[in-house]
Amino acid sequence: MLNELRAQNFKSWPDTGSIQLAPLTGLFGTNSSGKTAILQLLLMLKQTVEARDRQQILALGDERSDIALGRFRDLLHKGEDRPNLNLSIGWTLRNNLEILDPEGEPDRLLFSIPQLNFEVDIEEKDPLKVVRQFAYQFKQDDRACRFGMELNSTSEPQNSLKYNLIAEGYEVRRFRGRVWPLPAPIKNYGFPDKVNNYYQNASFLSDLVLAFEECFKNIYYLGPLREYPRRNYAWSGDRPVDVGSRGEFTIAAILASRWRDRESSIEKDIAQKLREIGLIYDFKIEAIQSDRGSYQVWVRRSPNTPEVLITDVGFGVSQILPVLVLCYYVPEGSTIILEHPEIHLHPFAQAGLADVFIDVINRRKVQIILESHSEHLLRRLQRRIAEEVFSHEQTCLYFCQLDDRGQSHLQSLQLDEFGNIMNWPQDFFGDEMGELAAKTEAEMRRRMEAKV
């Protein structure tokens, strides 16, 4: 699970400060206030991990990617003169990372690591992006350990870059012979292969890199714009990794789950949740021509209404279906990033989404990080905390706002054990009292004029 995130000089954020992440983390605020940028930071790192090019420092994406961020300089906060991007992230591992002592007795543990922190400093030296430094940090007993690489001060971009190894809290010893500098890191977080050629007890460094990659491979994303429902769906028998950033693999994911485990299909969970939030009574997926992999999705609005195709009911059903499927389809312990999961939903259904998230967090240990404008979702979450269905300690909420200089600022919302927000921002969901007062004033004026 992700625990902490920070970015400096990233888009509208000169410095996000330390963003604490919980099983349920919610980002609220006005349009263009910087909420999406925080999610893009995580998605950019995920794209980088999954990129095939080992020399690509940051995978900024293109029209085929989940996100496309343009050039490196487009990422940098315009109010800063320095061309550096600083990122850091902390996470808890699913199981302790146990590293054996390369020089000790067999099975002797060198480190047992429950949590890791990673930080990187990336600079543009036109036209190149350069990793100035990266490091992994963790605590072992009373020791603070830190391992990474830093750019040699004599390096120049036009020549081959040279790096020094960072090793704090454990002595890493070189083989005898001439002291050679290291080549550039792999992407922005990996040690080059020559580390093992130069150092006799540094093989464990690759375990830190693998832990970083596993963290981001277990992050799944659903964007705010989802595909229109179809009358026919094709499935070739493949098992998709997720539902796709636009929900394009939603039906394929359901079918793959059905054939993987006939006794425990996620269809039951999804049908129940759709019923609980009042959208439809039930749904089913039927083959048109099983030998050709063609399927249709049928739904019933209520127990006494006939079945119709998903294209013939309200648009909200097809928009929430990818959210539900993703929550119950990803492996337990995964992290899900959602942009506006409530889009196209009635207020009652928006509130019901909070119950879906609470269920998958408590039952499947899934972490949810979402961006939302839904007051109804937040109110249901507050209610469930008051009812002790969910804990305020499992929740981190933030309000983003943009100042007149184009800088984003983050306000942590203080949530007590009864679900109350103790520092409710002004105009959090608009000026409700102002609208009511203005409506009442206009009504009184018109009534007075009618009497004249």
Protein backbone atom coordinates (compact mmCIF):
# COMPACT_ATOMS: atom_id res chain seq x y z
CA MET A 1 0.00 0.00 0.00
CA LEU A 2 1.20 3.49 -0.83
CA ASN A 3 1.82 5.53 2.33
CA GLU A 4 3.28 8.84 1.27
CA LEU A 5 3.86 10.96 -1.81
CA ARG A 6 5.63 14.23 -2.52
CA ALA A 7 6.44 16.20 -5.65
CA GLN A 8 8.45 19.39 -6.03
CA ASN A 9 8.32 21.52 -9.18
CA PHE A 10 5.65 19.34 -10.81
CA LYS A 11 3.10 21.11 -13.04
CA SER A 12 1.06 23.55 -10.88
CA TRP A 13 2.72 22.29 -7.68
CA PRO A 14 5.88 24.08 -6.52
CA ASP A 15 5.77 21.62 -3.62
CA THR A 16 2.91 19.32 -2.65
CA GLY A 17 4.44 18.73 0.77
CA SER A 18 4.14 15.27 2.25
CA ILE A 19 0.83 13.76 1.14
CA GLN A 20 -0.15 10.97 3.50
CA LEU A 21 -2.06 8.18 1.78
CA ALA A 22 -4.57 5.86 3.45
CA PRO A 23 -6.67 2.87 2.39
CA LEU A 24 -9.12 5.51 1.09
CA THR A 25 -7.62 8.79 -0.09
CA GLY A 26 -9.89 11.45 -1.58
CA LEU A 27 -8.84 14.55 -3.53
CA PHE A 28 -11.45 17.32 -3.77
CA GLY A 29 -11.35 20.87 -5.05
CA THR A 30 -12.32 23.16 -7.90
CA ASN A 31 -11.56 22.47 -11.56
CA SER A 32 -7.90 22.91 -12.59
CA SER A 33 -6.78 23.10 -8.96
CA GLY A 34 -4.08 20.38 -9.28
CA LYS A 35 -5.98 17.24 -8.24
CA THR A 36 -5.37 15.37 -11.48
CA ALA A 37 -1.66 16.23 -11.46
CA ILE A 38 -1.21 14.24 -8.24
CA LEU A 39 -2.74 11.18 -9.88
CA GLN A 40 -0.68 11.75 -13.03
CA LEU A 41 2.48 11.62 -10.97
CA LEU A 42 1.72 8.04 -9.94
CA LEU A 43 0.63 7.07 -13.45
CA MET A 44 3.80 8.53 -14.93
CA LEU A 45 5.94 6.37 -12.65
CA LYS A 46 3.81 3.34 -13.51
CA GLN A 47 4.26 4.00 -17.23
CA THR A 48 7.99 4.30 -16.69
CA VAL A 49 8.17 0.97 -14.87
CA GLU A 50 6.23 -0.74 -17.66
CA ALA A 51 8.21 0.89 -20.51
CA ARG A 52 10.45 -1.47 -22.46
CA ASP A 53 13.23 1.06 -22.99
CA ARG A 54 15.64 0.68 -20.07
CA GLN A 55 17.24 4.04 -20.88
CA GLN A 56 13.97 6.01 -20.81
CA ILE A 57 14.18 8.10 -17.65
CA LEU A 58 10.49 9.03 -17.65
CA ALA A 59 7.76 7.56 -19.87
CA LEU A 60 5.71 10.69 -20.53
CA GLY A 61 3.30 8.87 -22.83
CA ASP A 62 1.65 9.45 -26.19
CA GLU A 63 -1.81 9.07 -27.73
CA ARG A 64 -1.77 5.33 -26.93
CA SER A 65 -0.88 5.80 -23.24
CA ASP A 66 -3.12 6.27 -20.24
CA ILE A 67 -1.66 9.75 -19.88
CA ALA A 68 0.33 11.93 -22.28
CA LEU A 69 2.35 14.64 -20.55
CA GLY A 70 4.25 16.15 -23.47
CA ARG A 71 7.87 17.16 -22.99
CA PHE A 72 9.81 17.08 -19.74
CA ARG A 73 9.85 20.86 -19.52
CA ASP A 74 6.03 20.81 -19.76
CA LEU A 75 6.03 18.99 -16.41
CA LEU A 76 8.00 21.63 -14.59
CA HIS A 77 6.29 24.28 -12.54
CA LYS A 78 6.46 27.52 -14.50
CA GLY A 79 7.19 29.58 -11.40
CA GLU A 80 10.53 27.85 -10.82
CA ASP A 81 13.82 28.75 -12.50
CA ARG A 82 15.59 25.51 -11.67
CA PRO A 83 14.98 22.72 -14.19
CA ASN A 84 14.73 19.98 -11.57
CA LEU A 85 11.90 17.59 -10.76
CA ASN A 86 11.98 16.00 -7.30
CA LEU A 87 9.75 13.04 -6.50
CA SER A 88 9.48 10.79 -3.48
CA ILE A 89 7.18 7.94 -2.52
CA GLY A 90 6.81 5.57 0.41
CA TRP A 91 4.99 2.25 0.53
CA THR A 92 4.38 -0.82 2.69
CA LEU A 93 5.33 -4.11 1.11
CA ARG A 94 2.82 -6.97 0.98
CA ASN A 95 5.39 -9.18 2.71
CA ASN A 96 8.63 -8.13 4.37
CA LEU A 97 11.48 -7.93 1.87
CA GLU A 98 13.98 -10.39 3.33
CA ILE A 99 17.53 -10.04 2.06
CA LEU A 100 20.13 -12.63 2.92
CA ASP A 101 23.61 -11.58 3.99
CA PRO A 102 25.83 -12.12 0.90
CA GLU A 103 28.86 -12.60 3.13
CA GLY A 104 27.35 -14.35 6.13
CA GLU A 105 26.22 -17.85 6.92
CA PRO A 106 23.55 -19.43 4.70
CA ASP A 107 20.02 -18.22 5.52
CA ARG A 108 21.36 -15.40 7.69
CA LEU A 109 19.21 -12.30 7.19
CA LEU A 110 20.89 -9.03 6.35
CA PHE A 111 17.67 -6.98 6.13
CA SER A 112 13.98 -7.58 6.80
CA ILE A 113 12.20 -4.58 5.31
CA PRO A 114 8.46 -3.88 5.84
CA GLN A 115 8.49 -0.37 4.31
CA LEU A 116 10.50 1.39 1.63
CA ASN A 117 10.94 5.00 0.58
CA PHE A 118 12.22 6.12 -2.79
CA GLU A 119 13.33 9.56 -3.94
CA VAL A 120 14.67 10.85 -7.24
CA ASP A 121 16.00 14.17 -8.55
CA ILE A 122 15.73 14.59 -12.35
CA GLU A 123 17.19 17.54 -14.26
CA GLU A 124 16.97 18.66 -17.84
CA LYS A 125 20.31 19.50 -19.42
CA ASP A 126 19.07 20.50 -22.84
CA PRO A 127 18.17 18.37 -24.65
CA LEU A 128 18.75 15.50 -22.23
CA LYS A 129 16.95 14.41 -19.07
CA VAL A 130 19.48 13.44 -16.40
CA VAL A 131 19.01 11.60 -13.10
CA ARG A 132 21.03 13.63 -10.65
CA GLN A 133 20.35 11.24 -7.80
CA PHE A 134 18.05 8.45 -6.70
CA ALA A 135 17.95 6.51 -3.45
CA TYR A 136 16.03 3.85 -1.53
CA GLN A 137 15.65 4.36 2.21
CA PHE A 138 14.51 2.09 5.02
CA LYS A 139 15.15 1.40 8.68
CA GLN A 140 16.75 -1.78 9.96
CA ASP A 141 16.67 -2.05 13.75
CA ASP A 142 18.28 1.23 14.82
CA ARG A 143 20.05 1.84 11.51
CA ALA A 144 18.93 4.23 8.82
CA CYS A 145 19.90 2.62 5.51
CA ARG A 146 20.12 4.42 2.18
CA PHE A 147 21.25 3.02 -1.17
CA GLY A 148 21.27 4.71 -4.54
CA MET A 149 23.33 6.58 -7.10
CA GLU A 150 24.41 10.18 -7.54
CA LEU A 151 25.82 12.01 -10.53
CA ASN A 152 29.54 12.63 -10.41
CA SER A 153 30.13 16.36 -10.21
CA THR A 154 32.56 16.19 -13.14
CA SER A 155 30.04 14.59 -15.52
CA GLU A 156 28.97 16.46 -18.63
CA PRO A 157 25.94 15.53 -20.75
CA GLN A 158 27.93 15.61 -23.98
CA ASN A 159 30.16 12.87 -22.59
CA SER A 160 29.13 9.60 -20.98
CA LEU A 161 27.63 10.35 -17.57
CA LYS A 162 29.43 9.00 -14.54
CA TYR A 163 27.86 8.08 -11.21
CA ASN A 164 28.91 7.21 -7.69
CA LEU A 165 27.20 4.63 -5.50
CA ILE A 166 25.36 5.75 -2.36
CA ALA A 167 25.62 3.23 0.49
CA GLU A 168 24.70 4.28 4.01
CA GLY A 169 24.01 1.95 6.92
CA TYR A 170 25.91 -0.99 5.39
CA GLU A 171 29.39 -1.17 3.95
CA VAL A 172 29.47 -2.10 0.27
CA ARG A 173 32.97 -3.23 -0.72
CA ARG A 174 34.60 -2.94 -4.13
CA PHE A 175 36.59 -5.67 -5.79
CA ARG A 176 40.30 -4.98 -5.87
CA GLY A 177 41.63 -2.94 -8.72
CA ARG A 178 41.02 0.44 -10.27
CA VAL A 179 38.05 2.43 -9.03
CA TRP A 180 35.77 2.93 -12.02
CA PRO A 181 32.71 5.22 -11.97
CA LEU A 182 29.32 3.66 -12.66
CA PRO A 183 27.31 4.21 -15.86
CA ALA A 184 23.88 5.88 -15.85
CA PRO A 185 20.99 4.32 -13.87
CA ILE A 186 18.37 2.11 -15.47
CA LYS A 187 15.38 4.38 -16.11
CA ASN A 188 15.27 6.58 -12.99
CA TYR A 189 15.30 3.95 -10.26
CA GLY A 190 17.52 1.00 -11.25
CA PHE A 191 21.15 0.09 -10.63
CA PRO A 192 23.17 -0.76 -13.77
CA ASP A 193 24.51 -4.29 -14.19
CA LYS A 194 28.07 -3.13 -13.56
CA VAL A 195 27.28 -2.62 -9.87
CA ASN A 196 27.70 -6.38 -9.42
CA ASN A 197 30.94 -6.30 -11.42
CA TYR A 198 32.44 -3.56 -9.26
CA TYR A 199 31.13 -4.53 -5.81
CA GLN A 200 31.37 -7.94 -4.19
CA ASN A 201 28.41 -7.69 -1.80
CA ALA A 202 25.88 -5.47 -3.60
CA SER A 203 23.68 -8.09 -5.29
CA PHE A 204 20.83 -7.25 -2.88
CA LEU A 205 20.36 -3.85 -4.56
CA SER A 206 18.38 -5.53 -7.35
CA ASP A 207 15.84 -6.66 -4.72
CA LEU A 208 15.09 -3.02 -3.91
CA VAL A 209 14.48 -2.31 -7.59
CA LEU A 210 12.17 -5.33 -7.92
CA ALA A 211 10.17 -4.14 -4.89
CA PHE A 212 9.73 -0.73 -6.55
CA GLU A 213 8.55 -2.31 -9.80
CA GLU A 214 6.14 -4.63 -8.02
CA CYS A 215 4.63 -1.66 -6.19
CA PHE A 216 3.75 0.11 -9.45
CA LYS A 217 2.69 -2.99 -11.34
CA ASN A 218 0.01 -3.41 -8.67
CA ILE A 219 -1.49 0.03 -9.40
CA TYR A 220 -4.57 0.09 -11.65
CA TYR A 221 -6.26 3.09 -13.23
CA LEU A 222 -9.70 4.02 -14.54
CA GLY A 223 -10.09 7.42 -16.17
CA PRO A 224 -13.07 9.81 -16.11
CA LEU A 225 -14.18 9.17 -19.71
CA ARG A 226 -15.52 5.67 -20.30
CA GLU A 227 -16.64 3.95 -23.45
CA TYR A 228 -20.26 3.92 -24.60
CA PRO A 229 -22.17 0.67 -24.07
CA ARG A 230 -22.40 -1.72 -27.02
CA ARG A 231 -25.06 -4.10 -28.24
CA ASN A 232 -22.49 -6.80 -28.89
CA TYR A 233 -19.17 -7.53 -27.17
CA ALA A 234 -16.37 -9.71 -28.48
CA TRP A 235 -14.17 -11.87 -26.25
CA SER A 236 -11.36 -14.01 -27.59
CA GLY A 237 -10.74 -15.87 -24.34
CA ASP A 238 -7.90 -13.67 -23.10
CA ARG A 239 -7.69 -12.51 -19.49
CA PRO A 240 -7.11 -8.74 -19.37
CA VAL A 241 -4.93 -7.25 -16.65
CA ASP A 242 -7.66 -4.75 -15.74
CA VAL A 243 -10.68 -3.08 -17.33
CA GLY A 244 -8.65 -0.55 -19.31
CA SER A 245 -8.34 3.17 -18.66
CA ARG A 246 -11.68 3.75 -20.46
CA GLY A 247 -13.37 0.59 -19.25
CA GLU A 248 -12.98 -1.03 -22.68
CA PHE A 249 -12.13 -4.45 -21.20
CA THR A 250 -14.90 -4.52 -18.59
CA ILE A 251 -16.98 -7.30 -20.14
CA ALA A 252 -13.87 -9.30 -21.06
CA ALA A 253 -12.74 -9.09 -17.43
CA ILE A 254 -16.10 -10.43 -16.20
CA LEU A 255 -16.01 -13.31 -18.67
CA ALA A 256 -12.40 -14.13 -17.85
CA SER A 257 -13.29 -14.22 -14.17
CA ARG A 258 -16.26 -16.49 -14.90
CA TRP A 259 -14.17 -19.09 -16.69
CA ARG A 260 -11.31 -18.86 -14.22
CA ASP A 261 -13.49 -19.67 -11.21
CA ARG A 262 -17.03 -20.85 -11.98
CA GLU A 263 -17.96 -21.07 -8.28
CA SER A 264 -16.88 -17.58 -7.28
CA SER A 265 -17.63 -15.17 -10.11
CA ILE A 266 -17.38 -11.45 -9.49
CA GLU A 267 -20.73 -11.15 -11.27
CA LYS A 268 -22.49 -11.90 -7.97
CA ASP A 269 -20.75 -9.03 -6.19
CA ILE A 270 -21.40 -6.63 -9.05
CA ALA A 271 -25.08 -7.55 -9.37
CA GLN A 272 -25.56 -7.08 -5.64
CA LYS A 273 -23.86 -3.67 -5.63
CA LEU A 274 -25.86 -2.47 -8.64
CA ARG A 275 -29.02 -3.47 -6.79
CA GLU A 276 -27.94 -1.79 -3.53
CA ILE A 277 -27.20 1.53 -5.17
CA GLY A 278 -30.54 1.47 -6.98
CA LEU A 279 -29.44 1.41 -10.61
CA ILE A 280 -30.77 -1.94 -11.81
CA TYR A 281 -32.16 -5.12 -10.29
CA ASP A 282 -29.76 -7.52 -11.99
CA PHE A 283 -27.74 -8.13 -15.13
CA LYS A 284 -26.30 -11.05 -17.03
CA ILE A 285 -23.94 -11.70 -19.91
CA GLU A 286 -25.06 -14.22 -22.52
CA ALA A 287 -23.30 -15.65 -25.54
CA ILE A 288 -24.82 -14.91 -28.93
CA GLN A 289 -22.49 -17.28 -30.73
CA SER A 290 -20.19 -18.96 -28.25
CA ASP A 291 -18.04 -20.42 -31.01
CA ARG A 292 -17.36 -16.89 -32.29
CA GLY A 293 -16.92 -15.18 -28.93
CA SER A 294 -19.87 -12.76 -29.24
CA TYR A 295 -21.81 -11.69 -26.14
CA GLN A 296 -24.60 -9.35 -25.05
CA VAL A 297 -25.25 -7.69 -21.69
CA TRP A 298 -28.86 -7.85 -20.50
CA VAL A 299 -30.26 -5.91 -17.53
CA ARG A 300 -33.54 -5.64 -15.60
CA ARG A 301 -34.50 -2.33 -14.04
CA SER A 302 -36.79 -4.01 -11.46
CA PRO A 303 -38.00 -7.55 -10.65
CA ASN A 304 -41.14 -7.14 -12.77
CA THR A 305 -39.69 -5.43 -15.83
CA PRO A 306 -38.46 -7.26 -18.93
CA GLU A 307 -34.79 -7.71 -19.73
CA VAL A 308 -33.28 -5.18 -22.12
CA LEU A 309 -29.82 -4.64 -23.55
CA ILE A 310 -27.46 -2.40 -21.59
CA THR A 311 -27.66 0.10 -24.45
CA ASP A 312 -31.38 0.56 -23.76
CA VAL A 313 -31.15 1.72 -20.13
CA GLY A 314 -29.75 4.85 -18.56
CA PHE A 315 -26.17 5.79 -19.37
CA GLY A 316 -25.13 5.57 -15.72
CA VAL A 317 -25.14 1.75 -15.68
CA SER A 318 -22.45 1.45 -18.34
CA GLN A 319 -20.39 4.17 -16.64
CA ILE A 320 -20.37 2.64 -13.16
CA LEU A 321 -19.89 -0.95 -14.34
CA PRO A 322 -16.14 -0.51 -15.03
CA VAL A 323 -15.69 0.95 -11.53
CA LEU A 324 -17.36 -2.02 -9.88
CA VAL A 325 -15.61 -4.62 -12.01
CA LEU A 326 -12.19 -3.08 -11.41
CA CYS A 327 -12.74 -3.05 -7.64
CA TYR A 328 -13.60 -6.77 -7.53
CA TYR A 329 -11.33 -7.93 -10.37
CA VAL A 330 -7.87 -6.68 -9.38
CA PRO A 331 -5.74 -8.85 -7.06
CA GLU A 332 -6.21 -8.35 -3.34
CA GLY A 333 -3.92 -5.70 -1.91
CA SER A 334 -3.83 -3.68 -5.14
CA THR A 335 -4.05 0.11 -5.43
CA ILE A 336 -6.78 1.59 -7.65
CA ILE A 337 -6.69 5.15 -8.98
CA LEU A 338 -10.10 6.54 -9.99
CA GLU A 339 -10.92 9.84 -11.67
CA HIS A 340 -14.50 10.95 -11.02
CA PRO A 341 -15.99 7.50 -10.40
CA GLU A 342 -19.38 9.19 -9.82
CA ILE A 343 -19.71 10.60 -13.33
CA HIS A 344 -23.24 10.29 -14.87
CA LEU A 345 -24.67 8.91 -11.60
CA HIS A 346 -27.74 10.01 -9.65
CA PRO A 347 -26.91 11.41 -6.15
CA PHE A 348 -28.23 8.23 -4.46
CA ALA A 349 -25.92 6.09 -6.60
CA GLN A 350 -23.01 8.46 -5.93
CA ALA A 351 -23.49 7.90 -2.21
CA GLY A 352 -23.65 4.15 -2.79
CA LEU A 353 -20.18 4.22 -4.32
CA ALA A 354 -18.75 5.02 -0.89
CA ASP A 355 -20.19 1.72 0.38
CA VAL A 356 -18.60 -0.13 -2.54
CA PHE A 357 -15.20 1.34 -1.71
CA ILE A 358 -15.56 0.54 1.98
CA ASP A 359 -16.47 -3.05 1.11
CA VAL A 360 -13.45 -3.70 -1.12
CA ILE A 361 -11.09 -1.96 1.28
CA ASN A 362 -12.27 -3.98 4.27
CA ARG A 363 -12.83 -7.28 2.47
CA ARG A 364 -10.20 -7.29 -0.27
CA LYS A 365 -7.58 -4.96 1.27
CA VAL A 366 -7.67 -2.81 -1.87
CA GLN A 367 -6.41 0.77 -1.62
CA ILE A 368 -8.52 3.47 -3.33
CA ILE A 369 -7.13 6.85 -4.42
CA LEU A 370 -9.81 8.99 -6.04
CA GLU A 371 -10.48 12.43 -7.43
CA SER A 372 -14.07 13.54 -7.04
CA HIS A 373 -16.54 16.42 -7.01
CA SER A 374 -19.25 14.37 -5.30
CA GLU A 375 -20.67 15.79 -2.09
CA HIS A 376 -22.96 12.75 -1.83
CA LEU A 377 -20.07 10.29 -1.88
CA LEU A 378 -18.29 12.25 0.85
CA ARG A 379 -21.43 12.53 3.01
CA ARG A 380 -21.98 8.76 2.87
CA LEU A 381 -18.37 8.19 3.87
CA GLN A 382 -18.80 10.55 6.84
CA ARG A 383 -21.96 8.69 7.85
CA ARG A 384 -20.24 5.29 7.73
CA ILE A 385 -17.45 6.61 9.93
CA ALA A 386 -20.02 7.83 12.47
CA GLU A 387 -21.70 4.41 12.31
CA GLU A 388 -18.31 2.72 12.91
CA VAL A 389 -18.55 0.80 9.65
CA PHE A 390 -15.34 2.52 8.59
CA SER A 391 -12.62 4.27 10.58
CA HIS A 392 -11.44 7.85 10.16
CA GLU A 393 -7.93 6.44 10.49
CA GLN A 394 -8.49 4.57 7.21
CA THR A 395 -9.18 7.84 5.41
CA CYS A 396 -7.13 10.78 4.17
CA LEU A 397 -9.03 13.65 2.53
CA TYR A 398 -7.54 16.69 0.81
CA PHE A 399 -8.82 19.94 -0.68
CA CYS A 400 -6.84 21.40 -3.60
CA GLN A 401 -6.96 25.05 -4.60
CA LEU A 402 -5.12 27.28 -7.09
CA ASP A 403 -3.96 30.77 -6.14
CA ASP A 404 -3.76 33.79 -8.45
CA ARG A 405 -0.09 33.01 -9.24
CA GLY A 406 -0.98 29.63 -10.71
CA GLN A 407 0.34 27.65 -7.74
CA SER A 408 -1.59 24.74 -6.26
CA HIS A 409 -1.93 24.29 -2.52
CA LEU A 410 -3.10 21.28 -0.55
CA GLN A 411 -5.20 21.42 2.59
CA SER A 412 -5.50 18.27 4.67
CA LEU A 413 -9.06 17.85 5.95
CA GLN A 414 -9.17 16.93 9.61
CA LEU A 415 -11.67 14.11 10.04
CA ASP A 416 -12.66 13.11 13.58
CA GLU A 417 -13.88 9.72 14.82
CA PHE A 418 -17.51 10.75 14.23
CA GLY A 419 -16.96 11.66 10.58
CA ASN A 420 -16.94 15.43 11.12
CA ILE A 421 -14.59 17.57 9.03
CA MET A 422 -13.16 19.99 11.57
CA ASN A 423 -11.65 22.45 9.05
CA TRP A 424 -14.29 22.58 6.33
CA PRO A 425 -12.94 24.83 3.52
CA GLN A 426 -14.93 27.81 2.35
CA ASP A 427 -17.14 26.99 -0.66
CA PHE A 428 -16.05 23.35 -0.54
CA PHE A 429 -19.01 22.30 -2.71
CA GLY A 430 -20.07 25.76 -3.77
CA ASP A 431 -21.90 28.43 -1.78
CA GLU A 432 -25.07 26.54 -0.82
CA MET A 433 -26.15 29.02 1.85
CA GLY A 434 -25.43 31.94 -0.47
CA GLU A 435 -27.60 30.40 -3.18
CA LEU A 436 -30.47 29.83 -0.73
CA ALA A 437 -30.18 33.35 0.64
CA ALA A 438 -30.15 34.86 -2.85
CA LYS A 439 -33.15 32.74 -3.87
CA THR A 440 -35.10 33.83 -0.76
CA GLU A 441 -34.21 37.48 -1.34
CA ALA A 442 -35.37 37.31 -4.97
CA GLU A 443 -38.61 35.62 -3.94
CA MET A 444 -39.37 38.28 -1.31
CA ARG A 445 -38.64 41.06 -3.82
CA ARG A 446 -40.99 39.60 -6.41
CA ARG A 447 -43.77 39.08 -3.83
CA MET A 448 -43.42 42.68 -2.66
CA GLU A 449 -43.57 43.95 -6.27
CA ALA A 450 -46.68 41.85 -6.93
CA LYS A 451 -48.49 43.59 -4.06
CA VAL A 452 -47.84 47.06 -5.41
